[in-house]
Protein backbone atom coordinates (compact mmCIF):
# COMPACT_ATOMS: atom_id res chain seq x y z
CA MET A 1 8.11 7.68 -12.60
CA LYS A 2 9.53 10.53 -10.55
CA GLY A 3 7.92 13.38 -8.68
CA SER A 4 6.38 14.52 -5.45
CA TRP A 5 3.02 13.53 -4.04
CA ALA A 6 0.10 15.85 -4.67
CA GLY A 7 -3.21 14.99 -2.99
CA LYS A 8 -6.29 14.69 -5.15
CA ALA A 9 -9.84 15.45 -4.01
CA ALA A 10 -10.62 11.75 -3.54
CA GLY A 11 -7.62 11.36 -1.24
CA ALA A 12 -5.51 9.48 -3.77
CA PHE A 13 -1.98 10.55 -4.50
CA THR A 14 -0.31 10.98 -7.87
CA LEU A 15 3.29 11.66 -8.75
CA THR A 16 4.01 15.16 -10.06
CA GLY A 17 6.94 17.54 -10.28
CA PRO A 18 10.65 16.95 -10.63
CA GLU A 19 11.50 15.29 -7.30
CA SER A 20 10.24 12.15 -5.57
CA ASP A 21 9.22 12.65 -1.95
CA VAL A 22 7.36 9.55 -0.82
CA SER A 23 8.01 8.30 2.68
CA THR A 24 7.45 4.91 4.22
CA ALA A 25 5.27 6.60 6.86
CA THR A 26 3.05 8.14 4.18
CA VAL A 27 2.61 4.82 2.41
CA MET A 28 1.78 2.98 5.63
CA ALA A 29 -0.66 5.71 6.72
CA LYS A 30 -2.54 5.41 3.43
CA ILE A 31 -2.73 1.61 3.77
CA VAL A 32 -3.99 1.90 7.37
CA GLU A 33 -6.55 4.48 6.18
CA PHE A 34 -7.77 2.00 3.55
CA LEU A 35 -7.98 -0.82 6.10
CA GLY A 36 -9.93 1.51 8.39
CA GLN A 37 -12.81 1.40 5.91
CA PHE A 38 -13.24 -2.30 6.72
CA ILE A 39 -12.07 -2.79 10.32
CA THR A 40 -12.84 -0.80 13.45
CA ASP A 41 -9.46 -0.96 15.23
CA THR A 42 -6.66 0.33 13.00
CA ASP A 43 -4.11 0.26 15.83
CA ILE A 44 -2.39 -2.73 14.23
CA ASP A 45 1.09 -4.01 14.97
CA PRO A 46 2.95 -3.38 11.68
CA ASP A 47 4.38 -6.93 11.82
CA LEU A 48 1.07 -8.67 12.63
CA ASN A 49 0.27 -11.35 10.07
CA LEU A 50 -2.95 -9.96 8.58
CA PHE A 51 -4.04 -13.36 7.24
CA GLU A 52 -3.36 -15.41 10.38
CA SER A 53 -5.06 -12.77 12.53
CA GLY A 54 -8.21 -12.96 10.39
CA LEU A 55 -8.11 -9.25 9.48
CA VAL A 56 -7.54 -10.08 5.82
CA THR A 57 -9.08 -12.84 3.72
CA SER A 58 -7.99 -13.87 0.24
CA LEU A 59 -10.88 -11.86 -1.22
CA PHE A 60 -9.89 -8.77 0.76
CA ALA A 61 -6.28 -9.30 -0.29
CA MET A 62 -7.40 -8.73 -3.87
CA GLN A 63 -9.08 -5.46 -2.83
CA LEU A 64 -5.87 -4.43 -1.07
CA LEU A 65 -3.84 -5.31 -4.16
CA LEU A 66 -6.09 -3.19 -6.39
CA TYR A 67 -5.95 -0.36 -3.87
CA VAL A 68 -2.15 -0.20 -3.79
CA GLU A 69 -2.01 -0.31 -7.59
CA GLN A 70 -4.39 2.63 -7.91
CA GLU A 71 -3.29 4.65 -4.89
CA PHE A 72 0.43 4.49 -5.55
CA ALA A 73 0.40 4.22 -9.35
CA ILE A 74 2.25 0.90 -9.37
CA GLN A 75 1.68 -2.29 -11.31
CA VAL A 76 1.42 -5.58 -9.44
CA THR A 77 2.64 -8.40 -11.68
CA ASN A 78 2.02 -12.13 -11.44
CA GLU A 79 5.50 -12.47 -9.92
CA ASP A 80 4.46 -10.05 -7.15
CA LEU A 81 1.50 -12.22 -6.12
CA ASP A 82 3.25 -13.71 -3.12
CA VAL A 83 1.84 -13.68 0.39
CA LYS A 84 5.20 -12.36 1.65
CA ASN A 85 4.39 -9.04 -0.08
CA PHE A 86 1.00 -8.66 1.63
CA HIS A 87 1.10 -10.54 4.96
CA SER A 88 1.62 -7.48 7.21
CA LEU A 89 1.49 -3.70 7.12
CA ASN A 90 5.29 -3.60 6.98
CA ALA A 91 5.33 -6.13 4.14
CA VAL A 92 2.79 -4.18 2.05
CA THR A 93 4.57 -0.90 2.76
CA ASP A 94 7.97 -2.36 1.83
CA PHE A 95 6.48 -3.86 -1.33
CA VAL A 96 4.97 -0.52 -2.39
CA MET A 97 8.21 1.33 -1.68
CA ARG A 98 10.20 -1.20 -3.78
CA LYS A 99 7.75 -0.85 -6.68
CA ILE A 100 7.88 2.96 -6.51
CA ALA A 101 11.69 2.89 -6.44
CA ALA A 102 11.82 0.44 -9.35
CA SER A 103 9.62 2.68 -11.47
CA ALA A 104 11.67 5.83 -10.76
């Protein structure tokens, strides 16, 4: 899956065009924007453990998983269901970037 990001009306991004131009900052910003729908303070240390801090529960983790699948057009497999992929903003961002790169 290659291309550049084109914003849709709902704020989601889809891959289009001949070149891929997704940045780590863009991915993290979209994840923070999603979290902002559920928490009031989105000024979160990117390495903060979201589970230990209480910001994310196992139920919310499933919502986050579904969000990254839909928002970034990736597929989360059973092998990906590891807390190390979702425990912090940096971890989720790195996971999404790896999945995007693997599908290119």
